[in-house]
PDB file of all heavy atoms in Angstrom:
ATOM      1  N   ARG A   1      -3.259  -3.189   7.629  1.00  0.00           N
ATOM      2  CA  ARG A   1      -3.901  -3.061   8.940  1.00  0.00           C
ATOM      3  C   ARG A   1      -3.626  -1.685   9.543  1.00  0.00           C
ATOM      4  O   ARG A   1      -4.519  -1.063  10.148  1.00  0.00           O
ATOM      5  CB  ARG A   1      -3.402  -4.149   9.897  1.00  0.00           C
ATOM      6  CG  ARG A   1      -3.880  -5.553   9.586  1.00  0.00           C
ATOM      7  CD  ARG A   1      -3.682  -6.446  10.793  1.00  0.00           C
ATOM      8  NE  ARG A   1      -3.808  -7.852  10.439  1.00  0.00           N
ATOM      9  CZ  ARG A   1      -2.793  -8.681  10.277  1.00  0.00           C
ATOM     10  NH1 ARG A   1      -1.550  -8.255  10.455  1.00  0.00           N
ATOM     11  NH2 ARG A   1      -2.984  -9.948   9.965  1.00  0.00           N
ATOM     12  N   GLN A   2      -2.407  -1.204   9.399  1.00  0.00           N
ATOM     13  CA  GLN A   2      -2.058   0.114   9.934  1.00  0.00           C
ATOM     14  C   GLN A   2      -2.852   1.215   9.251  1.00  0.00           C
ATOM     15  O   GLN A   2      -3.341   2.150   9.897  1.00  0.00           O
ATOM     16  CB  GLN A   2      -0.555   0.356   9.775  1.00  0.00           C
ATOM     17  CG  GLN A   2       0.307  -0.517  10.658  1.00  0.00           C
ATOM     18  CD  GLN A   2       1.788  -0.314  10.381  1.00  0.00           C
ATOM     19  OE1 GLN A   2       2.252  -0.415   9.251  1.00  0.00           O
ATOM     20  NE2 GLN A   2       2.550  -0.018  11.422  1.00  0.00           N
ATOM     21  N   LEU A   3      -2.990   1.112   7.921  1.00  0.00           N
ATOM     22  CA  LEU A   3      -3.810   2.084   7.199  1.00  0.00           C
ATOM     23  C   LEU A   3      -5.240   2.074   7.703  1.00  0.00           C
ATOM     24  O   LEU A   3      -5.839   3.124   7.977  1.00  0.00           O
ATOM     25  CB  LEU A   3      -3.809   1.778   5.701  1.00  0.00           C
ATOM     26  CG  LEU A   3      -2.590   2.114   4.858  1.00  0.00           C
ATOM     27  CD1 LEU A   3      -2.841   1.720   3.413  1.00  0.00           C
ATOM     28  CD2 LEU A   3      -2.256   3.585   4.946  1.00  0.00           C
ATOM     29  N   HIS A   4      -5.793   0.881   7.824  1.00  0.00           N
ATOM     30  CA  HIS A   4      -7.197   0.755   8.204  1.00  0.00           C
ATOM     31  C   HIS A   4      -7.429   1.230   9.638  1.00  0.00           C
ATOM     32  O   HIS A   4      -8.473   1.815   9.943  1.00  0.00           O
ATOM     33  CB  HIS A   4      -7.652  -0.691   8.024  1.00  0.00           C
ATOM     34  CG  HIS A   4      -7.591  -1.131   6.593  1.00  0.00           C
ATOM     35  ND1 HIS A   4      -7.411  -2.454   6.215  1.00  0.00           N
ATOM     36  CD2 HIS A   4      -7.674  -0.416   5.421  1.00  0.00           C
ATOM     37  CE1 HIS A   4      -7.396  -2.535   4.894  1.00  0.00           C
ATOM     38  NE2 HIS A   4      -7.544  -1.318   4.396  1.00  0.00           N
ATOM     39  N   ARG A   5      -6.473   1.008  10.521  1.00  0.00           N
ATOM     40  CA  ARG A   5      -6.606   1.497  11.886  1.00  0.00           C
ATOM     41  C   ARG A   5      -6.566   3.012  11.957  1.00  0.00           C
ATOM     42  O   ARG A   5      -7.097   3.602  12.896  1.00  0.00           O
ATOM     43  CB  ARG A   5      -5.501   0.905  12.769  1.00  0.00           C
ATOM     44  CG  ARG A   5      -5.708  -0.568  13.096  1.00  0.00           C
ATOM     45  CD  ARG A   5      -4.482  -1.164  13.753  1.00  0.00           C
ATOM     46  NE  ARG A   5      -4.647  -2.593  14.001  1.00  0.00           N
ATOM     47  CZ  ARG A   5      -3.649  -3.423  14.289  1.00  0.00           C
ATOM     48  NH1 ARG A   5      -2.396  -2.958  14.355  1.00  0.00           N
ATOM     49  NH2 ARG A   5      -3.880  -4.706  14.504  1.00  0.00           N
ATOM     50  N   ARG A   6      -5.936   3.625  10.983  1.00  0.00           N
ATOM     51  CA  ARG A   6      -5.922   5.094  10.894  1.00  0.00           C
ATOM     52  C   ARG A   6      -7.227   5.640  10.311  1.00  0.00           C
ATOM     53  O   ARG A   6      -7.381   6.847  10.145  1.00  0.00           O
ATOM     54  CB  ARG A   6      -4.753   5.556  10.018  1.00  0.00           C
ATOM     55  CG  ARG A   6      -3.365   5.308  10.584  1.00  0.00           C
ATOM     56  CD  ARG A   6      -2.990   6.314  11.648  1.00  0.00           C
ATOM     57  NE  ARG A   6      -1.598   6.202  12.040  1.00  0.00           N
ATOM     58  CZ  ARG A   6      -0.624   7.030  11.640  1.00  0.00           C
ATOM     59  NH1 ARG A   6      -0.901   8.041  10.842  1.00  0.00           N
ATOM     60  NH2 ARG A   6       0.618   6.861  12.055  1.00  0.00           N
ATOM     61  N   GLY A   7      -8.141   4.748   9.943  1.00  0.00           N
ATOM     62  CA  GLY A   7      -9.397   5.186   9.352  1.00  0.00           C
ATOM     63  C   GLY A   7      -9.285   5.532   7.891  1.00  0.00           C
ATOM     64  O   GLY A   7      -9.917   6.474   7.406  1.00  0.00           O
ATOM     65  N   LEU A   8      -8.480   4.745   7.159  1.00  0.00           N
ATOM     66  CA  LEU A   8      -8.274   5.004   5.739  1.00  0.00           C
ATOM     67  C   LEU A   8      -8.344   3.705   4.950  1.00  0.00           C
ATOM     68  O   LEU A   8      -7.697   2.719   5.310  1.00  0.00           O
ATOM     69  CB  LEU A   8      -6.907   5.659   5.511  1.00  0.00           C
ATOM     70  CG  LEU A   8      -6.663   6.182   4.098  1.00  0.00           C
ATOM     71  CD1 LEU A   8      -7.427   7.488   3.885  1.00  0.00           C
ATOM     72  CD2 LEU A   8      -5.183   6.410   3.849  1.00  0.00           C
ATOM     73  N   ALA A   9      -9.155   3.705   3.899  1.00  0.00           N
ATOM     74  CA  ALA A   9      -9.192   2.597   2.942  1.00  0.00           C
ATOM     75  C   ALA A   9      -8.678   3.122   1.608  1.00  0.00           C
ATOM     76  O   ALA A   9      -9.075   4.205   1.164  1.00  0.00           O
ATOM     77  CB  ALA A   9     -10.614   2.057   2.783  1.00  0.00           C
ATOM     78  N   HIS A  10      -7.785   2.375   0.966  1.00  0.00           N
ATOM     79  CA  HIS A  10      -7.128   2.867  -0.241  1.00  0.00           C
ATOM     80  C   HIS A  10      -8.041   2.855  -1.455  1.00  0.00           C
ATOM     81  O   HIS A  10      -8.071   3.797  -2.251  1.00  0.00           O
ATOM     82  CB  HIS A  10      -5.872   2.026  -0.512  1.00  0.00           C
ATOM     83  CG  HIS A  10      -5.017   2.557  -1.613  1.00  0.00           C
ATOM     84  ND1 HIS A  10      -5.313   2.356  -2.952  1.00  0.00           N
ATOM     85  CD2 HIS A  10      -3.868   3.274  -1.593  1.00  0.00           C
ATOM     86  CE1 HIS A  10      -4.378   2.926  -3.690  1.00  0.00           C
ATOM     87  NE2 HIS A  10      -3.491   3.491  -2.895  1.00  0.00           N
ATOM     88  N   ASN A  11      -8.736   1.756  -1.688  1.00  0.00           N
ATOM     89  CA  ASN A  11      -9.737   1.607  -2.759  1.00  0.00           C
ATOM     90  C   ASN A  11      -9.177   1.423  -4.162  1.00  0.00           C
ATOM     91  O   ASN A  11      -9.958   1.347  -5.117  1.00  0.00           O
ATOM     92  CB  ASN A  11     -10.702   2.808  -2.795  1.00  0.00           C
ATOM     93  CG  ASN A  11     -11.527   2.945  -1.541  1.00  0.00           C
ATOM     94  OD1 ASN A  11     -11.861   1.951  -0.896  1.00  0.00           O
ATOM     95  ND2 ASN A  11     -11.851   4.165  -1.177  1.00  0.00           N
ATOM     96  N   ASP A  12      -7.862   1.338  -4.319  1.00  0.00           N
ATOM     97  CA  ASP A  12      -7.309   1.194  -5.672  1.00  0.00           C
ATOM     98  C   ASP A  12      -6.108   0.253  -5.674  1.00  0.00           C
ATOM     99  O   ASP A  12      -5.160   0.450  -6.434  1.00  0.00           O
ATOM    100  CB  ASP A  12      -6.916   2.567  -6.217  1.00  0.00           C
ATOM    101  CG  ASP A  12      -6.880   2.609  -7.749  1.00  0.00           C
ATOM    102  OD1 ASP A  12      -7.486   1.730  -8.383  1.00  0.00           O
ATOM    103  OD2 ASP A  12      -6.243   3.528  -8.297  1.00  0.00           O
ATOM    104  N   LEU A  13      -6.167  -0.788  -4.852  1.00  0.00           N
ATOM    105  CA  LEU A  13      -5.024  -1.680  -4.700  1.00  0.00           C
ATOM    106  C   LEU A  13      -5.053  -2.866  -5.654  1.00  0.00           C
ATOM    107  O   LEU A  13      -4.147  -3.705  -5.619  1.00  0.00           O
ATOM    108  CB  LEU A  13      -4.924  -2.162  -3.250  1.00  0.00           C
ATOM    109  CG  LEU A  13      -4.562  -1.058  -2.256  1.00  0.00           C
ATOM    110  CD1 LEU A  13      -4.541  -1.607  -0.836  1.00  0.00           C
ATOM    111  CD2 LEU A  13      -3.218  -0.422  -2.610  1.00  0.00           C
ATOM    112  N   ALA A  14      -6.061  -2.931  -6.516  1.00  0.00           N
ATOM    113  CA  ALA A  14      -6.024  -3.941  -7.568  1.00  0.00           C
ATOM    114  C   ALA A  14      -4.907  -3.628  -8.563  1.00  0.00           C
ATOM    115  O   ALA A  14      -4.383  -4.527  -9.227  1.00  0.00           O
ATOM    116  CB  ALA A  14      -7.365  -4.005  -8.296  1.00  0.00           C
ATOM    117  N   LYS A  15      -4.515  -2.363  -8.647  1.00  0.00           N
ATOM    118  CA  LYS A  15      -3.469  -1.943  -9.571  1.00  0.00           C
ATOM    119  C   LYS A  15      -2.089  -2.252  -9.001  1.00  0.00           C
ATOM    120  O   LYS A  15      -1.723  -1.753  -7.930  1.00  0.00           O
ATOM    121  CB  LYS A  15      -3.584  -0.441  -9.844  1.00  0.00           C
ATOM    122  CG  LYS A  15      -4.841  -0.044 -10.597  1.00  0.00           C
ATOM    123  CD  LYS A  15      -4.837   1.450 -10.863  1.00  0.00           C
ATOM    124  CE  LYS A  15      -6.061   1.874 -11.656  1.00  0.00           C
ATOM    125  NZ  LYS A  15      -6.066   3.330 -11.914  1.00  0.00           N
ATOM    126  N   GLU A  16      -1.328  -3.020  -9.728  1.00  0.00           N
ATOM    127  CA  GLU A  16       0.024  -3.335  -9.277  1.00  0.00           C
ATOM    128  C   GLU A  16       0.899  -2.086  -9.214  1.00  0.00           C
ATOM    129  O   GLU A  16       1.863  -2.026  -8.434  1.00  0.00           O
ATOM    130  CB  GLU A  16       0.660  -4.375 -10.201  1.00  0.00           C
ATOM    131  CG  GLU A  16      -0.006  -5.733 -10.139  1.00  0.00           C
ATOM    132  CD  GLU A  16       0.763  -6.792 -10.908  1.00  0.00           C
ATOM    133  OE1 GLU A  16       1.948  -6.565 -11.207  1.00  0.00           O
ATOM    134  OE2 GLU A  16       0.180  -7.849 -11.194  1.00  0.00           O
ATOM    135  N   ALA A  17       0.570  -1.081 -10.012  1.00  0.00           N
ATOM    136  CA  ALA A  17       1.356   0.150 -10.007  1.00  0.00           C
ATOM    137  C   ALA A  17       1.265   0.886  -8.677  1.00  0.00           C
ATOM    138  O   ALA A  17       2.118   1.724  -8.369  1.00  0.00           O
ATOM    139  CB  ALA A  17       0.893   1.068 -11.135  1.00  0.00           C
ATOM    140  N   ASN A  18       0.239   0.597  -7.887  1.00  0.00           N
ATOM    141  CA  ASN A  18       0.075   1.269  -6.601  1.00  0.00           C
ATOM    142  C   ASN A  18       0.750   0.534  -5.452  1.00  0.00           C
ATOM    143  O   ASN A  18       0.743   1.024  -4.315  1.00  0.00           O
ATOM    144  CB  ASN A  18      -1.413   1.465  -6.300  1.00  0.00           C
ATOM    145  CG  ASN A  18      -2.035   2.489  -7.233  1.00  0.00           C
ATOM    146  OD1 ASN A  18      -1.332   3.286  -7.843  1.00  0.00           O
ATOM    147  ND2 ASN A  18      -3.347   2.455  -7.362  1.00  0.00           N
ATOM    148  N   TRP A  19       1.315  -0.634  -5.735  1.00  0.00           N
ATOM    149  CA  TRP A  19       2.129  -1.367  -4.761  1.00  0.00           C
ATOM    150  C   TRP A  19       3.599  -1.216  -5.155  1.00  0.00           C
ATOM    151  O   TRP A  19       3.965  -1.493  -6.292  1.00  0.00           O
ATOM    152  CB  TRP A  19       1.772  -2.849  -4.762  1.00  0.00           C
ATOM    153  CG  TRP A  19       0.493  -3.188  -4.073  1.00  0.00           C
ATOM    154  CD1 TRP A  19      -0.714  -3.445  -4.655  1.00  0.00           C
ATOM    155  CD2 TRP A  19       0.293  -3.336  -2.667  1.00  0.00           C
ATOM    156  NE1 TRP A  19      -1.655  -3.728  -3.703  1.00  0.00           N
ATOM    157  CE2 TRP A  19      -1.060  -3.672  -2.466  1.00  0.00           C
ATOM    158  CE3 TRP A  19       1.137  -3.213  -1.549  1.00  0.00           C
ATOM    159  CZ2 TRP A  19      -1.598  -3.892  -1.189  1.00  0.00           C
ATOM    160  CZ3 TRP A  19       0.599  -3.415  -0.289  1.00  0.00           C
ATOM    161  CH2 TRP A  19      -0.747  -3.756  -0.119  1.00  0.00           C
ATOM    162  N   LEU A  20       4.418  -0.801  -4.216  1.00  0.00           N
ATOM    163  CA  LEU A  20       5.850  -0.706  -4.465  1.00  0.00           C
ATOM    164  C   LEU A  20       6.592  -1.859  -3.795  1.00  0.00           C
ATOM    165  O   LEU A  20       6.169  -2.380  -2.762  1.00  0.00           O
ATOM    166  CB  LEU A  20       6.410   0.606  -3.914  1.00  0.00           C
ATOM    167  CG  LEU A  20       5.921   1.916  -4.526  1.00  0.00           C
ATOM    168  CD1 LEU A  20       6.698   3.076  -3.914  1.00  0.00           C
ATOM    169  CD2 LEU A  20       6.048   1.917  -6.040  1.00  0.00           C
ATOM    170  N   VAL A  21       7.693  -2.246  -4.435  1.00  0.00           N
ATOM    171  CA  VAL A  21       8.701  -3.080  -3.775  1.00  0.00           C
ATOM    172  C   VAL A  21       9.862  -2.124  -3.527  1.00  0.00           C
ATOM    173  O   VAL A  21      10.536  -1.684  -4.460  1.00  0.00           O
ATOM    174  CB  VAL A  21       9.132  -4.269  -4.647  1.00  0.00           C
ATOM    175  CG1 VAL A  21      10.163  -5.115  -3.904  1.00  0.00           C
ATOM    176  CG2 VAL A  21       7.917  -5.115  -5.023  1.00  0.00           C
ATOM    177  N   LEU A  22      10.051  -1.758  -2.264  1.00  0.00           N
ATOM    178  CA  LEU A  22      11.051  -0.764  -1.914  1.00  0.00           C
ATOM    179  C   LEU A  22      12.457  -1.332  -2.054  1.00  0.00           C
ATOM    180  O   LEU A  22      12.642  -2.530  -2.258  1.00  0.00           O
ATOM    181  CB  LEU A  22      10.804  -0.261  -0.492  1.00  0.00           C
ATOM    182  CG  LEU A  22       9.424   0.398  -0.269  1.00  0.00           C
ATOM    183  CD1 LEU A  22       9.241   0.780   1.188  1.00  0.00           C
ATOM    184  CD2 LEU A  22       9.242   1.609  -1.177  1.00  0.00           C
ATOM    185  N   ALA A  23      13.434  -0.451  -1.940  1.00  0.00           N
ATOM    186  CA  ALA A  23      14.825  -0.849  -2.161  1.00  0.00           C
ATOM    187  C   ALA A  23      15.252  -1.996  -1.253  1.00  0.00           C
ATOM    188  O   ALA A  23      16.061  -2.843  -1.638  1.00  0.00           O
ATOM    189  CB  ALA A  23      15.746   0.353  -1.964  1.00  0.00           C
ATOM    190  N   ASP A  24      14.682  -2.061  -0.033  1.00  0.00           N
ATOM    191  CA  ASP A  24      15.038  -3.133   0.900  1.00  0.00           C
ATOM    192  C   ASP A  24      14.124  -4.345   0.790  1.00  0.00           C
ATOM    193  O   ASP A  24      14.199  -5.270   1.596  1.00  0.00           O
ATOM    194  CB  ASP A  24      15.039  -2.612   2.338  1.00  0.00           C
ATOM    195  CG  ASP A  24      13.644  -2.145   2.787  1.00  0.00           C
ATOM    196  OD1 ASP A  24      12.707  -2.165   1.956  1.00  0.00           O
ATOM    197  OD2 ASP A  24      13.507  -1.755   3.968  1.00  0.00           O
ATOM    198  N   GLY A  25      13.236  -4.351  -0.236  1.00  0.00           N
ATOM    199  CA  GLY A  25      12.338  -5.475  -0.457  1.00  0.00           C
ATOM    200  C   GLY A  25      11.009  -5.372   0.268  1.00  0.00           C
ATOM    201  O   GLY A  25      10.131  -6.215   0.082  1.00  0.00           O
ATOM    202  N   ALA A  26      10.834  -4.337   1.082  1.00  0.00           N
ATOM    203  CA  ALA A  26       9.592  -4.161   1.827  1.00  0.00           C
ATOM    204  C   ALA A  26       8.491  -3.591   0.922  1.00  0.00           C
ATOM    205  O   ALA A  26       8.780  -2.975  -0.103  1.00  0.00           O
ATOM    206  CB  ALA A  26       9.830  -3.233   3.009  1.00  0.00           C
ATOM    207  N   PRO A  27       7.237  -3.766   1.302  1.00  0.00           N
ATOM    208  CA  PRO A  27       6.136  -3.206   0.514  1.00  0.00           C
ATOM    209  C   PRO A  27       5.929  -1.727   0.802  1.00  0.00           C
ATOM    210  O   PRO A  27       6.237  -1.233   1.899  1.00  0.00           O
ATOM    211  CB  PRO A  27       4.921  -4.012   0.976  1.00  0.00           C
ATOM    212  CG  PRO A  27       5.258  -4.387   2.389  1.00  0.00           C
ATOM    213  CD  PRO A  27       6.742  -4.609   2.409  1.00  0.00           C
ATOM    214  N   GLY A  28       5.414  -1.026  -0.181  1.00  0.00           N
ATOM    215  CA  GLY A  28       5.006   0.361  -0.023  1.00  0.00           C
ATOM    216  C   GLY A  28       3.728   0.585  -0.812  1.00  0.00           C
ATOM    217  O   GLY A  28       3.422  -0.168  -1.744  1.00  0.00           O
ATOM    218  N   ILE A  29       2.980   1.595  -0.450  1.00  0.00           N
ATOM    219  CA  ILE A  29       1.708   1.903  -1.122  1.00  0.00           C
ATOM    220  C   ILE A  29       1.715   3.369  -1.530  1.00  0.00           C
ATOM    221  O   ILE A  29       2.089   4.241  -0.736  1.00  0.00           O
ATOM    222  CB  ILE A  29       0.506   1.617  -0.208  1.00  0.00           C
ATOM    223  CG1 ILE A  29       0.435   0.134   0.150  1.00  0.00           C
ATOM    224  CG2 ILE A  29      -0.794   2.053  -0.874  1.00  0.00           C
ATOM    225  CD1 ILE A  29      -0.679  -0.211   1.126  1.00  0.00           C
ATOM    226  N   ILE A  30       1.294   3.646  -2.761  1.00  0.00           N
ATOM    227  CA  ILE A  30       1.218   5.020  -3.256  1.00  0.00           C
ATOM    228  C   ILE A  30      -0.137   5.269  -3.900  1.00  0.00           C
ATOM    229  O   ILE A  30      -0.963   4.357  -4.013  1.00  0.00           O
ATOM    230  CB  ILE A  30       2.335   5.318  -4.282  1.00  0.00           C
ATOM    231  CG1 ILE A  30       2.217   4.371  -5.489  1.00  0.00           C
ATOM    232  CG2 ILE A  30       3.703   5.214  -3.628  1.00  0.00           C
ATOM    233  CD1 ILE A  30       3.169   4.729  -6.627  1.00  0.00           C
TER     234      ILE A  30
END
């Protein structure tokens, strides 16, 4: 939601490699 409110769509989130599980367990996107 935060990304989309900034006017950005990622378009490649079907790839699990683009989703991170950060050190504290939170999600990240690359």
